[in-house]
C-alpha cells in the first residue's frame, strides 16, 4: 500500500533530517518570531481545522494566535494566492486559475491531504417519497438547463410527489460546488443558479431541516452532526443505490461523490514563521483522531507520516494539475505521484 508514495518519500528523509537541523540552528538567530497564523477556505474542512486549532490553543503555551475563517475553497484560494493567509482549507485540489495566480504572485504552496469525505445529498425527514436518487436524476435537477424549468419533484421522477422542488447548496466560491457539479453535471462550474446558496454549511442544514420540499448537498460531517433533522439519500450510479458511510468510502462503492480534503500551506511562511511550522506539525500528528471525531474518514496513519515529510522538506506544488479526480480509491489518490499524463512529480 502507498508503494509509490513511500519510494519517493524515502529519498527525502535524510534531507528532512538535515533541514530540521538547519532550521533549528537558524532559529537561534531570529530576534523575534511571528506568532500569528491566518487560515481561511473550505467550510467543509473548517470543522477539522477549527477543532485542531482549539486543541492546539489549549495545549500550547507559546501565545500563538491562530485565526480560522471560511469563505469557500475557491474564495479562500484568492486570499491565499494573494499572500493574505498562511493556510487554505480546500475540499478540491487547487484549481488551475489559483495555480496560475499563486505562480504570478510567487506564492509557493505545500499540498497536504488530511481526510476523505462522502459528499452527502440530503432531504427533510418528512419527505416520504424519496430514499435514493440516480446520478442522472441529480443532473436533471442541477444542470444549467433546469433553471426556471425543473421546479417540481414530479418533473424529475413521475413517481415522486408533485410538490415544489426547493434546492439548497454551496455558492460558486465553494470547492464542494465545483466538485459536485463536476461529478454530477460533468463540468465543474455548470449549475443552475435559481437555488438557495450559502458558504455556511450550517445555514444549508437549517434550510433543509425547515422545508419538507427541500434537497441539498454538503460534506458528510454536517449530516453526521445533524442526523436528527436530516435524511441522507442513497446515490445510484448505475450499480445500485449506495448510502454514504465509512465503509462505502473505504471500499470505493459510494460513487461519484467521495473526495479527499486538503490543507495548503504557504511554503515561505512555513520557513519564516516557526509558529506555523509548529502548528502544521501538530495538525498532521493529531488529524487522524480529530477527523473521525468531526465525522469524516481519516487517512491511513502512513499518509500523515508522508505528509509530514513533504511538509518538512518543503515539497511545493500539486500532483493534481488543477483537476478534481473522480471515481478512484483512497489508495489510488494517496499514491498519486504524477502531475499529468507522461509527466512525473509535482507541478507549481
C-alpha atoms as a PDB file:
ATOM      1  CA  UNK A   1       0.000   0.000   0.000  1.00  0.00           C
ATOM      2  CA  UNK A   2       1.291   3.524  -0.885  1.00  0.00           C
ATOM      3  CA  UNK A   3       4.359   2.000  -2.605  1.00  0.00           C
ATOM      4  CA  UNK A   4       4.916   4.922  -4.955  1.00  0.00           C
ATOM      5  CA  UNK A   5       4.419   7.422  -2.157  1.00  0.00           C
ATOM      6  CA  UNK A   6       6.980   5.694   0.040  1.00  0.00           C
ATOM      7  CA  UNK A   7       9.547   5.254  -2.700  1.00  0.00           C
ATOM      8  CA  UNK A   8       9.567   8.986  -3.290  1.00  0.00           C
ATOM      9  CA  UNK A   9       9.485   9.842   0.388  1.00  0.00           C
ATOM     10  CA  UNK A  10      12.384   7.591   1.409  1.00  0.00           C
ATOM     11  CA  UNK A  11      14.572   9.600  -0.940  1.00  0.00           C
ATOM     12  CA  UNK A  12      13.937  12.762   1.062  1.00  0.00           C
ATOM     13  CA  UNK A  13      14.060  11.508   4.651  1.00  0.00           C
ATOM     14  CA  UNK A  14      17.766  12.371   5.065  1.00  0.00           C
ATOM     15  CA  UNK A  15      17.085  15.793   3.566  1.00  0.00           C
ATOM     16  CA  UNK A  16      14.220  16.201   6.029  1.00  0.00           C
ATOM     17  CA  UNK A  17      16.526  15.489   8.973  1.00  0.00           C
ATOM     18  CA  UNK A  18      19.155  17.854   7.641  1.00  0.00           C
ATOM     19  CA  UNK A  19      16.604  20.588   7.037  1.00  0.00           C
ATOM     20  CA  UNK A  20      15.295  20.179  10.570  1.00  0.00           C
ATOM     21  CA  UNK A  21      18.799  20.708  11.986  1.00  0.00           C
ATOM     22  CA  UNK A  22      19.323  23.702   9.737  1.00  0.00           C
ATOM     23  CA  UNK A  23      16.011  25.226  10.784  1.00  0.00           C
ATOM     24  CA  UNK A  24      16.878  24.722  14.436  1.00  0.00           C
ATOM     25  CA  UNK A  25      20.274  26.381  14.010  1.00  0.00           C
ATOM     26  CA  UNK A  26      18.877  29.341  12.102  1.00  0.00           C
ATOM     27  CA  UNK A  27      16.061  29.747  14.591  1.00  0.00           C
ATOM     28  CA  UNK A  28      18.557  30.780  17.248  1.00  0.00           C
ATOM     29  CA  UNK A  29      19.416  33.866  15.231  1.00  0.00           C
ATOM     30  CA  UNK A  30      15.847  35.096  14.855  1.00  0.00           C
ATOM     31  CA  UNK A  31      15.318  38.027  17.183  1.00  0.00           C
ATOM     32  CA  UNK A  32      11.560  37.921  17.189  1.00  0.00           C
ATOM     33  CA  UNK A  33       9.300  35.145  15.937  1.00  0.00           C
ATOM     34  CA  UNK A  34       5.989  35.746  14.193  1.00  0.00           C
ATOM     35  CA  UNK A  35       3.301  34.083  16.279  1.00  0.00           C
ATOM     36  CA  UNK A  36       0.133  34.665  14.261  1.00  0.00           C
ATOM     37  CA  UNK A  37      -1.390  32.230  11.755  1.00  0.00           C
ATOM     38  CA  UNK A  38      -4.203  33.057   9.338  1.00  0.00           C
ATOM     39  CA  UNK A  39      -6.404  30.280   7.907  1.00  0.00           C
ATOM     40  CA  UNK A  40      -9.347  30.509   5.513  1.00  0.00           C
ATOM     41  CA  UNK A  41     -11.063  28.489   2.799  1.00  0.00           C
ATOM     42  CA  UNK A  42     -13.388  25.499   2.742  1.00  0.00           C
ATOM     43  CA  UNK A  43     -16.369  25.323   5.082  1.00  0.00           C
ATOM     44  CA  UNK A  44     -16.196  21.520   4.651  1.00  0.00           C
ATOM     45  CA  UNK A  45     -12.665  21.349   6.063  1.00  0.00           C
ATOM     46  CA  UNK A  46     -13.399  24.078   8.630  1.00  0.00           C
ATOM     47  CA  UNK A  47     -14.653  21.689  11.379  1.00  0.00           C
ATOM     48  CA  UNK A  48     -11.391  19.709  11.225  1.00  0.00           C
ATOM     49  CA  UNK A  49      -9.132  22.747  11.316  1.00  0.00           C
ATOM     50  CA  UNK A  50     -11.261  24.523  13.898  1.00  0.00           C
ATOM     51  CA  UNK A  51     -11.222  21.532  16.240  1.00  0.00           C
ATOM     52  CA  UNK A  52      -7.465  21.035  15.849  1.00  0.00           C
ATOM     53  CA  UNK A  53      -6.927  24.756  16.456  1.00  0.00           C
ATOM     54  CA  UNK A  54      -8.923  24.642  19.694  1.00  0.00           C
ATOM     55  CA  UNK A  55      -6.902  21.646  20.893  1.00  0.00           C
ATOM     56  CA  UNK A  56      -3.676  23.370  19.885  1.00  0.00           C
ATOM     57  CA  UNK A  57      -4.597  26.556  21.737  1.00  0.00           C
ATOM     58  CA  UNK A  58      -5.463  24.563  24.855  1.00  0.00           C
ATOM     59  CA  UNK A  59      -2.153  22.686  24.837  1.00  0.00           C
ATOM     60  CA  UNK A  60       0.202  25.385  23.568  1.00  0.00           C
ATOM     61  CA  UNK A  61       1.677  27.916  25.977  1.00  0.00           C
ATOM     62  CA  UNK A  62       3.677  29.972  23.480  1.00  0.00           C
ATOM     63  CA  UNK A  63       0.972  32.573  22.823  1.00  0.00           C
ATOM     64  CA  UNK A  64       0.431  31.634  19.169  1.00  0.00           C
ATOM     65  CA  UNK A  65      -2.657  33.317  17.687  1.00  0.00           C
ATOM     66  CA  UNK A  66      -4.468  31.129  15.121  1.00  0.00           C
ATOM     67  CA  UNK A  67      -7.348  32.761  13.243  1.00  0.00           C
ATOM     68  CA  UNK A  68      -9.663  30.358  11.330  1.00  0.00           C
ATOM     69  CA  UNK A  69     -12.407  31.508   8.957  1.00  0.00           C
ATOM     70  CA  UNK A  70     -14.250  30.142   5.933  1.00  0.00           C
ATOM     71  CA  UNK A  71     -15.104  31.730   2.611  1.00  0.00           C
ATOM     72  CA  UNK A  72     -15.178  28.580   0.463  1.00  0.00           C
ATOM     73  CA  UNK A  73     -12.234  26.771  -1.117  1.00  0.00           C
ATOM     74  CA  UNK A  74     -12.172  28.996  -4.197  1.00  0.00           C
ATOM     75  CA  UNK A  75     -12.705  32.214  -2.248  1.00  0.00           C
ATOM     76  CA  UNK A  76     -10.003  31.126   0.165  1.00  0.00           C
ATOM     77  CA  UNK A  77      -7.540  30.428  -2.642  1.00  0.00           C
ATOM     78  CA  UNK A  78      -7.956  34.042  -3.826  1.00  0.00           C
ATOM     79  CA  UNK A  79      -6.729  35.263  -0.444  1.00  0.00           C
ATOM     80  CA  UNK A  80      -4.087  32.546  -0.171  1.00  0.00           C
ATOM     81  CA  UNK A  81      -2.596  33.222  -3.606  1.00  0.00           C
ATOM     82  CA  UNK A  82      -2.520  36.928  -2.792  1.00  0.00           C
ATOM     83  CA  UNK A  83      -0.400  36.161   0.263  1.00  0.00           C
ATOM     84  CA  UNK A  84      -3.132  37.144   2.737  1.00  0.00           C
ATOM     85  CA  UNK A  85      -3.362  33.771   4.538  1.00  0.00           C
ATOM     86  CA  UNK A  86      -0.914  31.111   5.682  1.00  0.00           C
ATOM     87  CA  UNK A  87      -3.159  28.065   5.168  1.00  0.00           C
ATOM     88  CA  UNK A  88      -6.078  27.421   2.858  1.00  0.00           C
ATOM     89  CA  UNK A  89      -8.575  24.683   3.708  1.00  0.00           C
ATOM     90  CA  UNK A  90      -9.753  23.053   0.480  1.00  0.00           C
ATOM     91  CA  UNK A  91     -12.336  20.453  -0.484  1.00  0.00           C
ATOM     92  CA  UNK A  92     -10.909  20.238  -4.021  1.00  0.00           C
ATOM     93  CA  UNK A  93      -7.335  20.215  -5.318  1.00  0.00           C
ATOM     94  CA  UNK A  94      -6.072  23.713  -6.106  1.00  0.00           C
ATOM     95  CA  UNK A  95      -7.736  24.779  -9.406  1.00  0.00           C
ATOM     96  CA  UNK A  96      -5.749  25.854 -12.467  1.00  0.00           C
ATOM     97  CA  UNK A  97      -6.774  29.511 -12.056  1.00  0.00           C
ATOM     98  CA  UNK A  98      -5.471  29.525  -8.481  1.00  0.00           C
ATOM     99  CA  UNK A  99      -2.282  27.749  -9.558  1.00  0.00           C
ATOM    100  CA  UNK A 100      -1.667  30.500 -12.097  1.00  0.00           C
ATOM    101  CA  UNK A 101      -2.437  33.259  -9.577  1.00  0.00           C
ATOM    102  CA  UNK A 102      -0.143  31.760  -6.934  1.00  0.00           C
ATOM    103  CA  UNK A 103       2.639  31.404  -9.500  1.00  0.00           C
ATOM    104  CA  UNK A 104       2.187  35.004 -10.674  1.00  0.00           C
ATOM    105  CA  UNK A 105       2.420  36.253  -7.084  1.00  0.00           C
ATOM    106  CA  UNK A 106       5.311  33.983  -6.113  1.00  0.00           C
ATOM    107  CA  UNK A 107       3.260  32.079  -3.535  1.00  0.00           C
ATOM    108  CA  UNK A 108       4.615  28.523  -3.374  1.00  0.00           C
ATOM    109  CA  UNK A 109       2.363  26.043  -1.572  1.00  0.00           C
ATOM    110  CA  UNK A 110       2.616  22.641   0.089  1.00  0.00           C
ATOM    111  CA  UNK A 111      -0.334  20.335  -0.655  1.00  0.00           C
ATOM    112  CA  UNK A 112      -1.368  18.115   2.271  1.00  0.00           C
ATOM    113  CA  UNK A 113      -4.317  15.671   2.103  1.00  0.00           C
ATOM    114  CA  UNK A 114      -5.942  15.414   5.547  1.00  0.00           C
ATOM    115  CA  UNK A 115      -9.200  13.403   5.227  1.00  0.00           C
ATOM    116  CA  UNK A 116     -11.774  11.754   2.992  1.00  0.00           C
ATOM    117  CA  UNK A 117     -15.344  12.959   2.628  1.00  0.00           C
ATOM    118  CA  UNK A 118     -18.545  11.465   1.253  1.00  0.00           C
ATOM    119  CA  UNK A 119     -20.314  14.493  -0.179  1.00  0.00           C
ATOM    120  CA  UNK A 120     -23.884  13.903   1.026  1.00  0.00           C
ATOM    121  CA  UNK A 121     -27.258  14.611  -0.592  1.00  0.00           C
ATOM    122  CA  UNK A 122     -29.982  15.241   1.998  1.00  0.00           C
ATOM    123  CA  UNK A 123     -33.710  15.916   2.249  1.00  0.00           C
ATOM    124  CA  UNK A 124     -36.082  16.785   5.062  1.00  0.00           C
ATOM    125  CA  UNK A 125     -37.060  13.775   7.241  1.00  0.00           C
ATOM    126  CA  UNK A 126     -40.744  14.468   6.443  1.00  0.00           C
ATOM    127  CA  UNK A 127     -40.030  13.740   2.783  1.00  0.00           C
ATOM    128  CA  UNK A 128     -41.654  10.291   2.339  1.00  0.00           C
ATOM    129  CA  UNK A 129     -41.314   9.851  -1.426  1.00  0.00           C
ATOM    130  CA  UNK A 130     -37.541   9.542  -1.900  1.00  0.00           C
ATOM    131  CA  UNK A 131     -34.878   7.314  -0.328  1.00  0.00           C
ATOM    132  CA  UNK A 132     -32.480   7.074  -3.273  1.00  0.00           C
ATOM    133  CA  UNK A 133     -31.659   9.056  -6.379  1.00  0.00           C
ATOM    134  CA  UNK A 134     -29.737   8.314  -9.573  1.00  0.00           C
ATOM    135  CA  UNK A 135     -26.844  10.410 -10.831  1.00  0.00           C
ATOM    136  CA  UNK A 136     -28.935  11.196 -13.904  1.00  0.00           C
ATOM    137  CA  UNK A 137     -31.825  12.452 -11.746  1.00  0.00           C
ATOM    138  CA  UNK A 138     -29.436  14.681  -9.823  1.00  0.00           C
ATOM    139  CA  UNK A 139     -28.144  16.024 -13.120  1.00  0.00           C
ATOM    140  CA  UNK A 140     -31.715  16.727 -14.243  1.00  0.00           C
ATOM    141  CA  UNK A 141     -32.210  18.789 -11.064  1.00  0.00           C
ATOM    142  CA  UNK A 142     -28.954  20.724 -11.082  1.00  0.00           C
ATOM    143  CA  UNK A 143     -27.812  21.223 -14.685  1.00  0.00           C
ATOM    144  CA  UNK A 144     -27.991  24.765 -16.135  1.00  0.00           C
ATOM    145  CA  UNK A 145     -30.876  23.756 -18.434  1.00  0.00           C
ATOM    146  CA  UNK A 146     -33.003  23.079 -15.332  1.00  0.00           C
ATOM    147  CA  UNK A 147     -33.013  26.748 -14.318  1.00  0.00           C
ATOM    148  CA  UNK A 148     -36.599  28.069 -14.201  1.00  0.00           C
ATOM    149  CA  UNK A 149     -37.706  24.804 -15.876  1.00  0.00           C
ATOM    150  CA  UNK A 150     -37.394  21.922 -13.373  1.00  0.00           C
ATOM    151  CA  UNK A 151     -39.423  23.325 -10.491  1.00  0.00           C
ATOM    152  CA  UNK A 152     -41.294  20.286  -9.133  1.00  0.00           C
ATOM    153  CA  UNK A 153     -40.195  16.899  -7.812  1.00  0.00           C
ATOM    154  CA  UNK A 154     -42.508  15.088 -10.231  1.00  0.00           C
ATOM    155  CA  UNK A 155     -40.723  16.645 -13.223  1.00  0.00           C
ATOM    156  CA  UNK A 156     -37.582  14.704 -12.243  1.00  0.00           C
ATOM    157  CA  UNK A 157     -39.357  11.434 -11.480  1.00  0.00           C
ATOM    158  CA  UNK A 158     -43.126  10.967 -12.025  1.00  0.00           C
ATOM    159  CA  UNK A 159     -43.250   8.628  -9.008  1.00  0.00           C
ATOM    160  CA  UNK A 160     -42.259  11.472  -6.703  1.00  0.00           C
ATOM    161  CA  UNK A 161     -44.674  13.971  -5.151  1.00  0.00           C
ATOM    162  CA  UNK A 162     -45.989  16.795  -7.307  1.00  0.00           C
ATOM    163  CA  UNK A 163     -44.518  19.315  -4.869  1.00  0.00           C
ATOM    164  CA  UNK A 164     -42.314  22.352  -5.353  1.00  0.00           C
ATOM    165  CA  UNK A 165     -38.622  21.439  -5.574  1.00  0.00           C
ATOM    166  CA  UNK A 166     -36.545  23.712  -3.339  1.00  0.00           C
ATOM    167  CA  UNK A 167     -32.799  23.324  -3.762  1.00  0.00           C
ATOM    168  CA  UNK A 168     -30.052  24.270  -1.302  1.00  0.00           C
ATOM    169  CA  UNK A 169     -26.319  24.193  -1.974  1.00  0.00           C
ATOM    170  CA  UNK A 170     -22.991  25.986  -1.647  1.00  0.00           C
ATOM    171  CA  UNK A 171     -22.129  29.068  -3.683  1.00  0.00           C
ATOM    172  CA  UNK A 172     -19.657  29.309  -6.530  1.00  0.00           C
ATOM    173  CA  UNK A 173     -16.736  30.099  -4.241  1.00  0.00           C
ATOM    174  CA  UNK A 174     -17.089  26.632  -2.726  1.00  0.00           C
ATOM    175  CA  UNK A 175     -14.941  23.635  -3.619  1.00  0.00           C
ATOM    176  CA  UNK A 176     -17.971  21.478  -2.795  1.00  0.00           C
ATOM    177  CA  UNK A 177     -19.890  23.314  -5.537  1.00  0.00           C
ATOM    178  CA  UNK A 178     -17.081  22.677  -8.018  1.00  0.00           C
ATOM    179  CA  UNK A 179     -16.734  19.018  -7.071  1.00  0.00           C
ATOM    180  CA  UNK A 180     -20.468  18.287  -7.106  1.00  0.00           C
ATOM    181  CA  UNK A 181     -21.126  19.958 -10.456  1.00  0.00           C
ATOM    182  CA  UNK A 182     -18.096  18.262 -11.974  1.00  0.00           C
ATOM    183  CA  UNK A 183     -19.126  14.826 -10.710  1.00  0.00           C
ATOM    184  CA  UNK A 184     -22.862  15.127 -11.391  1.00  0.00           C
ATOM    185  CA  UNK A 185     -23.272  17.565 -14.283  1.00  0.00           C
ATOM    186  CA  UNK A 186     -19.920  16.887 -15.919  1.00  0.00           C
ATOM    187  CA  UNK A 187     -18.397  20.368 -15.682  1.00  0.00           C
ATOM    188  CA  UNK A 188     -17.025  21.963 -12.526  1.00  0.00           C
ATOM    189  CA  UNK A 189     -18.871  25.301 -12.819  1.00  0.00           C
ATOM    190  CA  UNK A 190     -22.030  24.111 -14.593  1.00  0.00           C
ATOM    191  CA  UNK A 191     -25.098  24.584 -12.402  1.00  0.00           C
ATOM    192  CA  UNK A 192     -28.473  26.216 -12.348  1.00  0.00           C
ATOM    193  CA  UNK A 193     -28.466  29.493 -10.399  1.00  0.00           C
ATOM    194  CA  UNK A 194     -32.017  29.535  -9.032  1.00  0.00           C
ATOM    195  CA  UNK A 195     -31.325  27.824  -5.723  1.00  0.00           C
ATOM    196  CA  UNK A 196     -30.659  28.922  -2.143  1.00  0.00           C
ATOM    197  CA  UNK A 197     -26.888  29.124  -1.710  1.00  0.00           C
ATOM    198  CA  UNK A 198     -24.507  29.810   1.152  1.00  0.00           C
ATOM    199  CA  UNK A 199     -20.855  29.256   2.015  1.00  0.00           C
ATOM    200  CA  UNK A 200     -22.048  28.424   5.542  1.00  0.00           C
ATOM    201  CA  UNK A 201     -22.999  24.737   5.632  1.00  0.00           C
ATOM    202  CA  UNK A 202     -24.905  25.206   8.884  1.00  0.00           C
ATOM    203  CA  UNK A 203     -27.216  27.586   7.017  1.00  0.00           C
ATOM    204  CA  UNK A 204     -27.821  24.885   4.389  1.00  0.00           C
ATOM    205  CA  UNK A 205     -28.513  22.316   7.117  1.00  0.00           C
ATOM    206  CA  UNK A 206     -31.097  24.611   8.717  1.00  0.00           C
ATOM    207  CA  UNK A 207     -32.702  25.403   5.369  1.00  0.00           C
ATOM    208  CA  UNK A 208     -33.299  21.747   4.511  1.00  0.00           C
ATOM    209  CA  UNK A 209     -34.361  20.945   8.081  1.00  0.00           C
ATOM    210  CA  UNK A 210     -37.150  23.538   7.883  1.00  0.00           C
ATOM    211  CA  UNK A 211     -38.508  22.683   4.422  1.00  0.00           C
ATOM    212  CA  UNK A 212     -40.299  19.399   3.556  1.00  0.00           C
ATOM    213  CA  UNK A 213     -39.739  20.028  -0.154  1.00  0.00           C
ATOM    214  CA  UNK A 214     -36.015  20.772   0.106  1.00  0.00           C
ATOM    215  CA  UNK A 215     -32.989  18.904  -1.232  1.00  0.00           C
ATOM    216  CA  UNK A 216     -29.413  19.973  -0.552  1.00  0.00           C
ATOM    217  CA  UNK A 217     -25.818  18.763  -0.510  1.00  0.00           C
ATOM    218  CA  UNK A 218     -22.710  19.328   1.625  1.00  0.00           C
ATOM    219  CA  UNK A 219     -19.904  17.445   3.394  1.00  0.00           C
ATOM    220  CA  UNK A 220     -20.697  14.258   5.317  1.00  0.00           C
ATOM    221  CA  UNK A 221     -19.699  15.683   8.713  1.00  0.00           C
ATOM    222  CA  UNK A 222     -22.549  18.194   8.578  1.00  0.00           C
ATOM    223  CA  UNK A 223     -25.009  15.342   8.010  1.00  0.00           C
ATOM    224  CA  UNK A 224     -23.385  13.271  10.787  1.00  0.00           C
ATOM    225  CA  UNK A 225     -23.822  16.110  13.239  1.00  0.00           C
ATOM    226  CA  UNK A 226     -27.452  16.716  12.235  1.00  0.00           C
ATOM    227  CA  UNK A 227     -28.928  13.260  11.637  1.00  0.00           C
ATOM    228  CA  UNK A 228     -31.897  14.093  13.864  1.00  0.00           C
ATOM    229  CA  UNK A 229     -33.140  16.705  11.392  1.00  0.00           C
ATOM    230  CA  UNK A 230     -31.888  15.440   8.011  1.00  0.00           C
ATOM    231  CA  UNK A 231     -32.309  12.321   5.849  1.00  0.00           C
ATOM    232  CA  UNK A 232     -29.372  11.198   3.700  1.00  0.00           C
ATOM    233  CA  UNK A 233     -30.260   9.946   0.213  1.00  0.00           C
ATOM    234  CA  UNK A 234     -28.522   6.910  -1.290  1.00  0.00           C
ATOM    235  CA  UNK A 235     -26.841   7.527  -4.668  1.00  0.00           C
ATOM    236  CA  UNK A 236     -27.312   5.140  -7.603  1.00  0.00           C
ATOM    237  CA  UNK A 237     -24.569   5.485 -10.212  1.00  0.00           C
ATOM    238  CA  UNK A 238     -25.908   2.556 -12.235  1.00  0.00           C
ATOM    239  CA  UNK A 239     -24.759  -0.178  -9.856  1.00  0.00           C
ATOM    240  CA  UNK A 240     -27.432   0.121  -7.201  1.00  0.00           C
ATOM    241  CA  UNK A 241     -28.213   2.707  -4.525  1.00  0.00           C
ATOM    242  CA  UNK A 242     -25.355   3.224  -2.033  1.00  0.00           C
ATOM    243  CA  UNK A 243     -25.540   5.334   1.129  1.00  0.00           C
ATOM    244  CA  UNK A 244     -22.558   7.354   2.379  1.00  0.00           C
ATOM    245  CA  UNK A 245     -20.580   5.732   5.221  1.00  0.00           C
ATOM    246  CA  UNK A 246     -17.018   4.974   6.308  1.00  0.00           C
ATOM    247  CA  UNK A 247     -17.363   1.537   4.729  1.00  0.00           C
ATOM    248  CA  UNK A 248     -18.627   2.743   1.351  1.00  0.00           C
ATOM    249  CA  UNK A 249     -15.897   5.407   1.212  1.00  0.00           C
ATOM    250  CA  UNK A 250     -13.219   2.842   2.072  1.00  0.00           C
ATOM    251  CA  UNK A 251     -14.390   0.222  -0.420  1.00  0.00           C
ATOM    252  CA  UNK A 252     -14.920   2.806  -3.161  1.00  0.00           C
ATOM    253  CA  UNK A 253     -18.595   1.973  -3.751  1.00  0.00           C
ATOM    254  CA  UNK A 254     -20.064   5.394  -2.905  1.00  0.00           C
ATOM    255  CA  UNK A 255     -19.551   6.954  -6.309  1.00  0.00           C
ATOM    256  CA  UNK A 256     -19.017   9.556  -7.630  1.00  0.00           C
ATOM    257  CA  UNK A 257     -19.197  11.779  -4.521  1.00  0.00           C
ATOM    258  CA  UNK A 258     -16.228  10.522  -2.491  1.00  0.00           C
ATOM    259  CA  UNK A 259     -13.370  13.011  -2.377  1.00  0.00           C
ATOM    260  CA  UNK A 260     -10.181  13.934  -0.497  1.00  0.00           C
ATOM    261  CA  UNK A 261      -9.908  17.044   1.683  1.00  0.00           C
ATOM    262  CA  UNK A 262      -6.760  19.175   1.905  1.00  0.00           C
ATOM    263  CA  UNK A 263      -4.897  21.960   3.565  1.00  0.00           C
ATOM    264  CA  UNK A 264      -2.489  24.094   1.502  1.00  0.00           C
ATOM    265  CA  UNK A 265       0.369  25.759   3.382  1.00  0.00           C
ATOM    266  CA  UNK A 266       2.286  28.832   2.224  1.00  0.00           C
ATOM    267  CA  UNK A 267       5.813  27.402   1.885  1.00  0.00           C
ATOM    268  CA  UNK A 268       7.646  30.684   2.564  1.00  0.00           C
ATOM    269  CA  UNK A 269       5.539  31.362   5.650  1.00  0.00           C
ATOM    270  CA  UNK A 270       6.365  27.861   6.880  1.00  0.00           C
ATOM    271  CA  UNK A 271      10.072  28.722   6.607  1.00  0.00           C
ATOM    272  CA  UNK A 272       9.818  32.240   8.047  1.00  0.00           C
ATOM    273  CA  UNK A 273       7.265  31.629  10.795  1.00  0.00           C
ATOM    274  CA  UNK A 274       8.290  28.980  13.365  1.00  0.00           C
ATOM    275  CA  UNK A 275       4.783  29.143  14.859  1.00  0.00           C
ATOM    276  CA  UNK A 276       3.293  27.982  11.560  1.00  0.00           C
ATOM    277  CA  UNK A 277       5.719  25.058  11.401  1.00  0.00           C
ATOM    278  CA  UNK A 278       4.767  24.066  14.945  1.00  0.00           C
ATOM    279  CA  UNK A 279       1.061  24.287  14.147  1.00  0.00           C
ATOM    280  CA  UNK A 280       1.185  22.262  10.904  1.00  0.00           C
ATOM    281  CA  UNK A 281       3.226  19.521  12.554  1.00  0.00           C
ATOM    282  CA  UNK A 282       0.666  19.399  15.385  1.00  0.00           C
ATOM    283  CA  UNK A 283      -2.137  19.329  12.778  1.00  0.00           C
ATOM    284  CA  UNK A 284      -0.763  16.308  10.940  1.00  0.00           C
ATOM    285  CA  UNK A 285       0.081  14.449  14.142  1.00  0.00           C
ATOM    286  CA  UNK A 286      -3.419  14.874  15.595  1.00  0.00           C
ATOM    287  CA  UNK A 287      -5.508  14.855  12.395  1.00  0.00           C
ATOM    288  CA  UNK A 288      -6.474  11.184  12.391  1.00  0.00           C
ATOM    289  CA  UNK A 289      -8.337  11.279  15.708  1.00  0.00           C
ATOM    290  CA  UNK A 290      -9.930  14.681  15.106  1.00  0.00           C
ATOM    291  CA  UNK A 291     -11.083  13.818  11.581  1.00  0.00           C
ATOM    292  CA  UNK A 292     -13.014  10.831  12.935  1.00  0.00           C
ATOM    293  CA  UNK A 293     -14.477  12.853  15.813  1.00  0.00           C
ATOM    294  CA  UNK A 294     -15.710  15.507  13.402  1.00  0.00           C
ATOM    295  CA  UNK A 295     -17.386  12.938  11.148  1.00  0.00           C
ATOM    296  CA  UNK A 296     -15.069  12.376   8.178  1.00  0.00           C
ATOM    297  CA  UNK A 297     -12.898   9.375   7.322  1.00  0.00           C
ATOM    298  CA  UNK A 298      -9.244   9.674   8.397  1.00  0.00           C
ATOM    299  CA  UNK A 299      -6.439   8.753   6.053  1.00  0.00           C
ATOM    300  CA  UNK A 300      -4.229   5.797   6.982  1.00  0.00           C
ATOM    301  CA  UNK A 301      -1.580   6.832   9.533  1.00  0.00           C
ATOM    302  CA  UNK A 302       1.144   6.310   6.940  1.00  0.00           C
ATOM    303  CA  UNK A 303      -0.353   9.087   4.795  1.00  0.00           C
ATOM    304  CA  UNK A 304       0.010  11.636   7.599  1.00  0.00           C
ATOM    305  CA  UNK A 305       3.612  10.500   8.135  1.00  0.00           C
ATOM    306  CA  UNK A 306       4.358  11.064   4.463  1.00  0.00           C
ATOM    307  CA  UNK A 307       2.599  14.431   4.596  1.00  0.00           C
ATOM    308  CA  UNK A 308       4.831  15.448   7.496  1.00  0.00           C
ATOM    309  CA  UNK A 309       7.924  14.506   5.489  1.00  0.00           C
ATOM    310  CA  UNK A 310       6.707  16.513   2.497  1.00  0.00           C
ATOM    311  CA  UNK A 311       5.977  19.490   4.741  1.00  0.00           C
ATOM    312  CA  UNK A 312       9.359  19.423   6.461  1.00  0.00           C
ATOM    313  CA  UNK A 313      11.190  19.112   3.131  1.00  0.00           C
ATOM    314  CA  UNK A 314       9.075  21.904   1.604  1.00  0.00           C
ATOM    315  CA  UNK A 315       7.791  19.820  -1.298  1.00  0.00           C
ATOM    316  CA  UNK A 316       5.894  22.535  -3.155  1.00  0.00           C
ATOM    317  CA  UNK A 317       3.229  22.152  -5.815  1.00  0.00           C
ATOM    318  CA  UNK A 318       0.321  19.850  -6.563  1.00  0.00           C
ATOM    319  CA  UNK A 319       0.063  16.350  -8.029  1.00  0.00           C
ATOM    320  CA  UNK A 320      -3.447  17.015  -9.353  1.00  0.00           C
ATOM    321  CA  UNK A 321      -2.569  19.564 -12.052  1.00  0.00           C
ATOM    322  CA  UNK A 322      -5.611  21.699 -11.295  1.00  0.00           C
ATOM    323  CA  UNK A 323      -8.213  18.969 -11.738  1.00  0.00           C
ATOM    324  CA  UNK A 324     -10.556  17.166  -9.343  1.00  0.00           C
ATOM    325  CA  UNK A 325     -10.289  13.374  -9.589  1.00  0.00           C
ATOM    326  CA  UNK A 326     -13.449  11.242  -9.578  1.00  0.00           C
ATOM    327  CA  UNK A 327     -14.135   7.542  -9.036  1.00  0.00           C
ATOM    328  CA  UNK A 328     -10.761   6.496  -7.674  1.00  0.00           C
ATOM    329  CA  UNK A 329      -9.984   4.728  -4.422  1.00  0.00           C
ATOM    330  CA  UNK A 330      -8.277   6.190  -1.363  1.00  0.00           C
ATOM    331  CA  UNK A 331      -5.167   4.148  -2.110  1.00  0.00           C
ATOM    332  CA  UNK A 332      -5.022   5.391  -5.692  1.00  0.00           C
ATOM    333  CA  UNK A 333      -5.350   9.007  -4.629  1.00  0.00           C
ATOM    334  CA  UNK A 334      -2.765   8.740  -1.878  1.00  0.00           C
ATOM    335  CA  UNK A 335      -0.252   7.036  -4.157  1.00  0.00           C
ATOM    336  CA  UNK A 336      -0.768   9.659  -6.859  1.00  0.00           C
ATOM    337  CA  UNK A 337       2.693  10.952  -7.758  1.00  0.00           C
ATOM    338  CA  UNK A 338       2.042  12.237 -11.264  1.00  0.00           C
ATOM    339  CA  UNK A 339       1.037  15.700 -12.374  1.00  0.00           C
ATOM    340  CA  UNK A 340      -0.332  14.893 -15.803  1.00  0.00           C
ATOM    341  CA  UNK A 341      -0.107  12.156 -18.396  1.00  0.00           C
ATOM    342  CA  UNK A 342       3.506  11.493 -19.262  1.00  0.00           C
ATOM    343  CA  UNK A 343       4.922  13.764 -16.556  1.00  0.00           C
ATOM    344  CA  UNK A 344       6.042  12.718 -13.089  1.00  0.00           C
ATOM    345  CA  UNK A 345       6.059  14.674  -9.878  1.00  0.00           C
ATOM    346  CA  UNK A 346       4.623  17.945  -8.673  1.00  0.00           C
ATOM    347  CA  UNK A 347       3.683  20.973 -10.753  1.00  0.00           C
ATOM    348  CA  UNK A 348       3.560  24.538  -9.491  1.00  0.00           C
END
